Amino acid sequence: MRFRLRQREHRFVDQFVELAGHLVSGARLLAELLGSDQPAREAIAQRMREEDQAVEAATHGVLRSLAGAFVTPVDRVDVYRLAWALR
């Protein structure tokens, strides 16, 4: 077993990948909304609201993981800032 002075938190990587995926989905929905006709906009707007709820849940998941993880205060601030920036 290798000795490490600092525990690595790999769970944050997966959570940030999920958040980034929501950014891509949101951008696609916005492009779809801007290029759609009036009747289709309400359905797209509903999908955007659902995506927004999903990204909120994912962001809170990162913050819950952060609260339960052993990371240094500097790392904690970085994780917090990145989670909110991706939100």
Foldseek 3Di string as FASTA:
>chain_A
DDDDPDDDDPVLVVLLVVLLVLVVVLVVLVVCLVPDDDVCNVVSVVVNVVSVVVLVVSLVVQVVVLVVDDDDPVVSVVSNVSSVVSD
